Amino acid sequence: MRRSCAKQATGENRSRILLNPDSCSNALDAFRLFFAVCVVAIHTHASDGLSRVLSFWLTQGVFRLAVPFFFVTSGFLLGRKLCGQEQDRQRQDKLDQWRKGWKHDGGERKQEIVTVLRRYTLRLFIPLLIVEGANATLELITRRLRYGKSLRYLAEHFARHILFYPYGAMWFIQACIIGAWLLYPFLKRKKTNSALLVGLLLYGWALLCNNYYFLAQAVGLDRVVNSYMNLFISARNGVFVGFFFLALGIKAWELYSADADISRLRQYPDGRCQYQSRKRQHTIWDCRRLILACVTLLYVAEIYLTRNCAYLDDRALYLAHILLLPLLLLCIVDVRLSISDDVSIRMRKVSAWLYFSHRFIYGLGGFLCVLKFGTEWRGAGAFTLVLAVSTVSFVPAVCLRRAFV
């Protein structure tokens, strides 16, 4: 009896997400918060106090999943928005159009996609502009006072980072904007699989410039890779990473919506939904969990096999991320935690605030620590303090936002 109730709750949760694009699994919000904390842990070097082996596995095995997970989640939600943007239309027809091809005028579809992408860009560009400006100013002051760099060097350094690799972990936001617009020709023609194929080739270059630099050395591409990295700083950008992972997220949404056989979905007057093909659905979910477990083992094996190989940049990109993160998303998006919607919304907002604010707080604290004590500020203490200050500052930030909205 308890198992059947759990199944029904899962089915109703899936129906709620499919039929209402503004709702989402609160487990997804919990994972967002967890991975936002992981991003803070990476930048504050929270694992420095641990043993070398434990620090390596915690950083590479857990913390490095954070940003790719954010990409896939962003693509998933973008795909859902593209599918359910017009709330006045019937949700069932909209899902059928998304899977089988749009039946209305192609110009109308093009305009709808452009509208969604513009709103998506504006939503990300404003915090990017504010946070990047604050982080860039702090970085330039620090380099000028601490290292005595010339103004010419600072100007060149500033321009390269603004264009190619923004300060303060904002490369993810920039990559989302660029990647979303690069996806536009594929979204317009409903060619998600083609986007994945192109993105896979681009991601291969990102791997050579990151964790698989040893392969570039083996095939004689190390000079090309080094030249690229010297000019563009990193291959973690919207072209080589953002485009591909956003496409993975959109594909995950397509698979998620395709699981629900809309023709067998019975809608009751009170809004409850019941699936007649529930057994088939749970078979699919169990298979995904099994595949996720197998891919996780492959991920662990990949980390182990590449641990002593030559790499560039931050060693953040792995092949297993391609399957691991979409599967993880598909497994958790149906989970409904025993928390209220208000708590879920707060977790979502706190995770975003942690991501945007932590780097500036950590940079400011490190700058003051160097001036006063002459030592760097990092480790578990820095992680705890940055996390605390970011969380506490969330309340006045919300109040300030409400005052101007």
Protein backbone atom coordinates (compact mmCIF):
# COMPACT_ATOMS: atom_id res chain seq x y z
CA MET A 1 0.00 0.00 0.00
CA ARG A 2 2.80 2.36 0.92
CA ARG A 3 4.63 1.53 -2.33
CA SER A 4 1.53 2.19 -4.45
CA CYS A 5 1.04 5.58 -2.77
CA ALA A 6 4.63 6.48 -3.52
CA LYS A 7 4.12 5.56 -7.16
CA GLN A 8 0.99 7.67 -7.38
CA ALA A 9 2.77 10.63 -5.82
CA THR A 10 5.56 10.26 -8.35
CA GLY A 11 3.09 10.12 -11.22
CA GLU A 12 1.23 13.19 -9.99
CA ASN A 13 4.51 15.05 -9.57
CA ARG A 14 5.50 14.21 -13.15
CA SER A 15 2.11 15.38 -14.38
CA ARG A 16 2.43 18.64 -12.46
CA ILE A 17 5.86 19.36 -13.96
CA LEU A 18 4.79 18.45 -17.48
CA LEU A 19 1.54 20.37 -17.46
CA ASN A 20 2.80 23.40 -15.56
CA PRO A 21 6.11 24.77 -16.79
CA ASP A 22 6.43 27.06 -13.76
CA SER A 23 6.57 24.16 -11.31
CA CYS A 24 9.50 21.88 -10.71
CA SER A 25 10.73 19.14 -8.41
CA ASN A 26 11.90 20.49 -5.07
CA ALA A 27 14.61 17.83 -5.05
CA LEU A 28 16.11 19.70 -8.00
CA ASP A 29 16.22 22.85 -5.85
CA ALA A 30 17.95 20.90 -3.09
CA PHE A 31 20.60 19.67 -5.54
CA ARG A 32 21.08 23.21 -6.82
CA LEU A 33 21.81 24.36 -3.27
CA PHE A 34 24.17 21.46 -2.66
CA PHE A 35 26.15 22.10 -5.83
CA ALA A 36 26.25 25.84 -5.13
CA VAL A 37 27.97 24.95 -1.84
CA CYS A 38 30.33 22.71 -3.85
CA VAL A 39 31.28 25.69 -6.04
CA VAL A 40 32.08 27.69 -2.90
CA ALA A 41 34.16 24.77 -1.64
CA ILE A 42 36.19 24.67 -4.88
CA HIS A 43 37.02 28.37 -4.89
CA THR A 44 37.86 28.55 -1.18
CA HIS A 45 39.92 25.30 -1.32
CA ALA A 46 37.82 23.83 1.46
CA SER A 47 39.45 20.39 1.18
CA ASP A 48 43.01 21.62 1.76
CA GLY A 49 43.01 20.43 5.36
CA LEU A 50 42.21 16.86 4.37
CA SER A 51 44.62 14.20 3.20
CA ARG A 52 45.89 14.54 -0.34
CA VAL A 53 43.99 11.48 -1.60
CA LEU A 54 40.71 12.41 0.08
CA SER A 55 40.98 16.01 -1.09
CA PHE A 56 41.57 14.88 -4.68
CA TRP A 57 38.62 12.50 -4.79
CA LEU A 58 36.27 14.90 -3.05
CA THR A 59 37.17 17.72 -5.42
CA GLN A 60 37.24 15.73 -8.66
CA GLY A 61 34.51 13.25 -7.82
CA VAL A 62 31.91 15.53 -6.22
CA PHE A 63 32.75 19.24 -6.45
CA ARG A 64 33.55 19.14 -10.17
CA LEU A 65 30.03 17.94 -10.94
CA ALA A 66 28.57 21.28 -9.88
CA VAL A 67 28.99 23.55 -12.91
CA PRO A 68 28.18 20.88 -15.54
CA PHE A 69 25.07 20.04 -13.51
CA PHE A 70 24.05 23.71 -13.60
CA PHE A 71 24.48 23.70 -17.38
CA VAL A 72 22.32 20.61 -17.87
CA THR A 73 19.69 21.93 -15.47
CA SER A 74 19.62 25.26 -17.29
CA GLY A 75 19.15 23.45 -20.61
CA PHE A 76 16.40 21.29 -19.13
CA LEU A 77 14.50 24.33 -17.86
CA LEU A 78 15.11 26.17 -21.12
CA GLY A 79 13.63 23.26 -23.04
CA ARG A 80 10.64 23.21 -20.73
CA LYS A 81 10.16 26.95 -21.23
CA LEU A 82 10.32 26.56 -25.00
CA CYS A 83 7.74 23.81 -24.78
CA GLY A 84 5.35 25.46 -22.33
CA GLN A 85 5.83 29.18 -22.83
CA GLU A 86 2.24 29.91 -23.85
CA GLN A 87 0.17 29.03 -20.80
CA ASP A 88 -3.08 29.88 -22.57
CA ARG A 89 -2.61 26.96 -24.95
CA GLN A 90 -3.51 23.47 -23.92
CA ARG A 91 -0.50 21.76 -22.33
CA GLN A 92 -1.23 18.42 -23.94
CA ASP A 93 -1.18 19.86 -27.47
CA LYS A 94 2.00 21.75 -26.70
CA LEU A 95 3.83 18.58 -25.63
CA ASP A 96 2.62 16.78 -28.75
CA GLN A 97 3.93 19.63 -30.90
CA TRP A 98 7.30 19.52 -29.14
CA ARG A 99 7.74 15.80 -29.77
CA LYS A 100 6.19 15.45 -33.23
CA GLY A 101 7.00 18.80 -34.78
CA TRP A 102 5.26 22.15 -34.66
CA LYS A 103 2.06 22.27 -36.66
CA HIS A 104 1.60 26.02 -36.69
CA ASP A 105 3.46 28.52 -38.81
CA GLY A 106 7.27 28.24 -38.74
CA GLY A 107 7.60 32.01 -38.42
CA GLU A 108 5.53 31.90 -35.24
CA ARG A 109 7.76 29.20 -33.79
CA LYS A 110 10.85 31.22 -34.69
CA GLN A 111 9.45 34.28 -32.96
CA GLU A 112 8.57 32.26 -29.85
CA ILE A 113 12.11 30.88 -29.59
CA VAL A 114 13.62 34.34 -30.05
CA THR A 115 11.35 35.72 -27.33
CA VAL A 116 12.36 32.99 -24.88
CA LEU A 117 16.07 33.42 -25.65
CA ARG A 118 15.86 37.18 -25.23
CA ARG A 119 14.24 36.84 -21.83
CA TYR A 120 16.77 34.17 -20.89
CA THR A 121 19.65 36.43 -21.95
CA LEU A 122 18.29 39.45 -20.09
CA ARG A 123 17.73 37.40 -16.95
CA LEU A 124 21.38 36.32 -16.97
CA PHE A 125 23.07 39.41 -18.40
CA ILE A 126 22.03 41.82 -15.64
CA PRO A 127 23.61 39.82 -12.78
CA LEU A 128 26.58 39.05 -15.03
CA LEU A 129 27.16 42.75 -15.59
CA ILE A 130 26.85 43.65 -11.90
CA VAL A 131 28.79 40.75 -10.40
CA GLU A 132 31.47 40.77 -13.08
CA GLY A 133 32.00 44.51 -12.61
CA ALA A 134 32.44 44.07 -8.85
CA ASN A 135 34.80 41.11 -9.21
CA ALA A 136 36.84 42.74 -11.98
CA THR A 137 37.29 45.93 -9.94
CA LEU A 138 38.45 43.97 -6.90
CA GLU A 139 40.80 41.85 -9.01
CA LEU A 140 42.42 44.87 -10.66
CA ILE A 141 42.91 46.65 -7.32
CA THR A 142 44.44 43.52 -5.85
CA ARG A 143 46.85 43.03 -8.74
CA ARG A 144 47.84 46.70 -8.72
CA LEU A 145 48.49 46.98 -4.97
CA ARG A 146 49.76 43.49 -4.24
CA TYR A 147 51.79 42.69 -7.34
CA GLY A 148 52.52 46.20 -8.65
CA LYS A 149 51.39 45.40 -12.18
CA SER A 150 51.52 48.16 -14.78
CA LEU A 151 48.36 49.81 -16.08
CA ARG A 152 49.03 48.43 -19.56
CA TYR A 153 49.25 44.90 -18.21
CA LEU A 154 46.08 45.41 -16.17
CA ALA A 155 44.18 46.77 -19.19
CA GLU A 156 45.19 43.80 -21.34
CA HIS A 157 44.47 41.36 -18.55
CA PHE A 158 41.09 42.96 -17.91
CA ALA A 159 40.07 42.90 -21.59
CA ARG A 160 41.00 39.24 -22.09
CA HIS A 161 39.06 38.13 -19.04
CA ILE A 162 35.99 40.18 -19.88
CA LEU A 163 35.87 38.75 -23.39
CA PHE A 164 36.97 35.16 -22.87
CA TYR A 165 36.90 34.14 -19.21
CA PRO A 166 35.04 36.47 -16.78
CA TYR A 167 36.21 36.90 -13.20
CA GLY A 168 34.38 35.49 -10.22
CA ALA A 169 33.16 32.19 -11.73
CA MET A 170 30.96 34.17 -14.13
CA TRP A 171 32.20 32.16 -17.12
CA PHE A 172 29.23 29.86 -16.54
CA ILE A 173 26.74 32.71 -16.99
CA GLN A 174 28.53 33.99 -20.09
CA ALA A 175 28.67 30.47 -21.50
CA CYS A 176 24.93 29.97 -20.95
CA ILE A 177 24.13 33.12 -22.93
CA ILE A 178 26.48 32.28 -25.80
CA GLY A 179 25.52 28.61 -25.84
CA ALA A 180 21.78 29.35 -25.91
CA TRP A 181 22.07 31.60 -28.96
CA LEU A 182 24.33 29.11 -30.73
CA LEU A 183 21.55 26.57 -30.23
CA TYR A 184 18.98 28.82 -31.90
CA PRO A 185 19.40 27.45 -35.50
CA PHE A 186 19.01 23.90 -34.17
CA LEU A 187 16.02 24.75 -31.98
CA LYS A 188 14.33 26.50 -34.87
CA ARG A 189 14.56 23.35 -37.00
CA LYS A 190 13.99 20.96 -34.08
CA LYS A 191 17.42 19.38 -34.62
CA THR A 192 18.50 18.61 -31.06
CA ASN A 193 20.37 15.47 -32.10
CA SER A 194 22.37 17.46 -34.68
CA ALA A 195 23.22 19.99 -31.98
CA LEU A 196 24.45 17.17 -29.76
CA LEU A 197 26.68 15.82 -32.53
CA VAL A 198 28.23 19.23 -33.22
CA GLY A 199 28.51 19.91 -29.50
CA LEU A 200 30.30 16.60 -28.92
CA LEU A 201 32.99 17.59 -31.42
CA LEU A 202 33.38 20.99 -29.77
CA TYR A 203 33.52 19.41 -26.32
CA GLY A 204 36.31 17.16 -27.54
CA TRP A 205 38.45 20.26 -28.04
CA ALA A 206 37.56 21.44 -24.54
CA LEU A 207 38.73 18.09 -23.16
CA LEU A 208 42.06 18.44 -24.96
CA CYS A 209 42.48 21.87 -23.38
CA ASN A 210 41.62 20.55 -19.95
CA ASN A 211 41.79 17.08 -18.47
CA TYR A 212 42.90 15.30 -21.67
CA TYR A 213 45.89 17.44 -22.53
CA PHE A 214 48.01 14.29 -22.49
CA LEU A 215 46.19 13.15 -25.64
CA ALA A 216 47.06 16.44 -27.34
CA GLN A 217 50.69 15.77 -26.46
CA ALA A 218 50.45 12.24 -27.83
CA VAL A 219 49.10 13.33 -31.23
CA GLY A 220 51.25 16.43 -31.55
CA LEU A 221 48.55 19.03 -30.93
CA ASP A 222 50.10 20.39 -27.76
CA ARG A 223 51.49 23.50 -29.49
CA VAL A 224 48.11 24.33 -30.98
CA VAL A 225 46.43 23.84 -27.61
CA ASN A 226 49.04 25.96 -25.83
CA SER A 227 48.64 28.76 -28.36
CA TYR A 228 44.89 28.70 -27.93
CA MET A 229 45.13 28.73 -24.14
CA ASN A 230 47.62 31.59 -24.13
CA LEU A 231 45.20 33.72 -26.11
CA PHE A 232 41.78 32.66 -24.85
CA ILE A 233 42.74 31.62 -21.27
CA SER A 234 40.40 28.62 -21.19
CA ALA A 235 38.25 26.38 -23.38
CA ARG A 236 35.50 26.49 -20.75
CA ASN A 237 33.20 28.88 -22.56
CA GLY A 238 29.90 28.99 -24.39
CA VAL A 239 31.26 27.56 -27.65
CA PHE A 240 33.03 24.44 -26.42
CA VAL A 241 31.18 23.67 -23.16
CA GLY A 242 28.02 25.74 -22.76
CA PHE A 243 26.57 24.85 -26.17
CA PHE A 244 26.97 21.12 -25.64
CA PHE A 245 25.72 20.88 -22.05
CA LEU A 246 22.71 23.09 -22.73
CA ALA A 247 21.86 20.79 -25.65
CA LEU A 248 22.18 17.82 -23.28
CA GLY A 249 19.73 19.49 -20.91
CA ILE A 250 17.22 20.15 -23.70
CA LYS A 251 17.53 16.53 -24.81
CA ALA A 252 16.93 15.45 -21.22
CA TRP A 253 13.71 17.46 -21.24
CA GLU A 254 12.63 15.81 -24.50
CA LEU A 255 13.22 12.36 -23.00
CA TYR A 256 11.44 13.35 -19.82
CA SER A 257 8.35 14.63 -21.62
CA ALA A 258 8.34 11.65 -23.99
CA ASP A 259 8.09 9.25 -21.04
CA ALA A 260 4.55 10.44 -20.37
CA ASP A 261 2.20 8.95 -22.91
CA ILE A 262 -0.15 11.94 -23.19
CA SER A 263 -2.74 9.92 -25.05
CA ARG A 264 -3.12 7.73 -21.95
CA LEU A 265 -3.21 10.61 -19.50
CA ARG A 266 -6.64 11.10 -17.98
CA GLN A 267 -7.31 14.55 -16.59
CA TYR A 268 -9.92 14.76 -13.83
CA PRO A 269 -12.01 17.89 -13.10
CA ASP A 270 -10.22 18.43 -9.77
CA GLY A 271 -6.81 18.46 -11.52
CA ARG A 272 -5.57 14.98 -10.50
CA CYS A 273 -3.75 12.91 -13.10
CA GLN A 274 -3.48 9.18 -13.33
CA TYR A 275 -1.28 7.17 -15.66
CA GLN A 276 -2.64 3.92 -16.98
CA SER A 277 0.85 2.90 -18.14
CA ARG A 278 2.46 3.30 -14.72
CA LYS A 279 4.20 -0.07 -14.76
CA ARG A 280 6.01 0.80 -17.98
CA GLN A 281 7.06 4.17 -16.59
CA HIS A 282 8.55 2.72 -13.43
CA THR A 283 10.42 0.16 -15.49
CA ILE A 284 12.02 3.07 -17.39
CA TRP A 285 12.87 4.85 -14.14
CA ASP A 286 14.46 1.71 -12.65
CA CYS A 287 16.53 1.23 -15.82
CA ARG A 288 17.75 4.81 -15.62
CA ARG A 289 18.82 4.38 -12.02
CA LEU A 290 20.72 1.23 -12.98
CA ILE A 291 22.42 2.99 -15.90
CA LEU A 292 23.25 5.92 -13.60
CA ALA A 293 24.98 3.55 -11.19
CA CYS A 294 27.02 2.03 -14.03
CA VAL A 295 28.00 5.43 -15.43
CA THR A 296 29.02 6.55 -11.93
CA LEU A 297 31.43 3.63 -11.79
CA LEU A 298 32.81 4.65 -15.18
CA TYR A 299 33.25 8.19 -13.85
CA VAL A 300 35.21 6.90 -10.88
CA ALA A 301 37.35 4.79 -13.21
CA GLU A 302 38.00 7.80 -15.47
CA ILE A 303 39.12 9.93 -12.53
CA TYR A 304 41.42 7.14 -11.37
CA LEU A 305 42.96 6.49 -14.79
CA THR A 306 43.61 10.18 -15.57
CA ARG A 307 44.80 11.22 -12.10
CA ASN A 308 48.51 11.22 -13.03
CA CYS A 309 48.16 12.39 -16.63
CA ALA A 310 49.15 15.82 -17.93
CA TYR A 311 46.35 18.39 -17.92
CA LEU A 312 45.69 22.10 -18.37
CA ASP A 313 43.38 24.65 -16.78
CA ASP A 314 41.45 23.42 -13.71
CA ARG A 315 41.02 19.72 -14.53
CA ALA A 316 37.25 20.06 -14.44
CA LEU A 317 36.03 18.30 -17.61
CA TYR A 318 35.46 14.57 -17.98
CA LEU A 319 33.95 12.34 -20.65
CA ALA A 320 31.63 10.66 -18.15
CA HIS A 321 29.89 13.98 -17.51
CA ILE A 322 28.15 13.54 -20.87
CA LEU A 323 26.00 10.68 -19.57
CA LEU A 324 26.25 11.09 -15.82
CA LEU A 325 24.68 14.52 -15.43
CA PRO A 326 21.61 14.11 -17.70
CA LEU A 327 20.89 10.77 -16.04
CA LEU A 328 21.28 12.30 -12.59
CA LEU A 329 18.88 15.07 -13.55
CA LEU A 330 16.30 12.64 -14.93
CA CYS A 331 16.50 10.55 -11.76
CA ILE A 332 16.00 13.42 -9.32
CA VAL A 333 13.46 15.52 -11.20
CA ASP A 334 10.65 13.14 -10.21
CA VAL A 335 11.58 13.14 -6.53
CA ARG A 336 9.36 15.14 -4.21
CA LEU A 337 10.85 15.97 -0.80
CA SER A 338 8.74 16.51 2.31
CA ILE A 339 9.24 20.26 2.36
CA SER A 340 6.93 23.14 1.56
CA ASP A 341 7.04 25.06 -1.70
CA ASP A 342 8.18 28.17 0.18
CA VAL A 343 11.24 26.34 1.51
CA SER A 344 11.96 25.02 -1.98
CA ILE A 345 11.81 28.54 -3.45
CA ARG A 346 14.12 29.84 -0.72
CA MET A 347 16.63 27.10 -1.46
CA ARG A 348 16.54 28.05 -5.12
CA LYS A 349 17.15 31.71 -4.39
CA VAL A 350 19.87 31.03 -1.79
CA SER A 351 21.73 28.79 -4.24
CA ALA A 352 21.73 31.55 -6.87
CA TRP A 353 22.86 34.14 -4.32
CA LEU A 354 25.67 31.87 -3.09
CA TYR A 355 26.94 31.44 -6.62
CA PHE A 356 26.86 35.13 -7.46
CA SER A 357 28.19 36.54 -4.18
CA HIS A 358 30.73 34.06 -2.82
CA ARG A 359 33.61 34.94 -5.12
CA PHE A 360 33.52 38.64 -4.28
CA ILE A 361 33.31 37.91 -0.55
CA TYR A 362 36.20 35.46 -0.77
CA GLY A 363 38.29 37.86 -2.86
CA LEU A 364 37.66 40.75 -0.48
CA GLY A 365 38.50 38.62 2.54
CA GLY A 366 41.66 37.32 0.89
CA PHE A 367 42.73 40.86 -0.04
CA LEU A 368 42.26 42.12 3.52
CA CYS A 369 44.01 39.05 4.94
CA VAL A 370 47.07 39.63 2.75
CA LEU A 371 47.22 43.31 3.68
CA LYS A 372 46.96 42.67 7.41
CA PHE A 373 48.71 39.32 7.91
CA GLY A 374 50.64 38.78 4.69
CA THR A 375 49.19 35.29 4.17
CA GLU A 376 46.62 33.76 1.83
CA TRP A 377 43.12 33.04 3.05
CA ARG A 378 41.94 29.54 2.13
CA GLY A 379 40.84 26.22 3.58
CA ALA A 380 37.93 25.10 5.73
CA GLY A 381 37.93 28.34 7.73
CA ALA A 382 37.59 30.47 4.61
CA PHE A 383 34.89 28.14 3.27
CA THR A 384 32.85 28.35 6.47
CA LEU A 385 33.14 32.12 6.77
CA VAL A 386 32.33 32.80 3.11
CA LEU A 387 29.36 30.47 3.28
CA ALA A 388 28.11 32.17 6.44
CA VAL A 389 28.55 35.72 5.12
CA SER A 390 26.90 34.84 1.80
CA THR A 391 23.94 33.23 3.55
CA VAL A 392 23.48 36.08 6.03
CA SER A 393 23.76 38.72 3.30
CA PHE A 394 20.95 37.00 1.39
CA VAL A 395 18.27 38.59 3.59
CA PRO A 396 19.25 42.26 3.06
CA ALA A 397 19.83 41.50 -0.64
CA VAL A 398 16.24 40.30 -0.98
CA CYS A 399 14.93 43.32 0.91
CA LEU A 400 16.97 45.65 -1.30
CA ARG A 401 15.67 43.96 -4.43
CA ARG A 402 12.07 44.32 -3.26
CA ALA A 403 12.63 48.00 -2.54
CA PHE A 404 13.55 48.68 -6.19
CA VAL A 405 11.06 46.32 -7.85
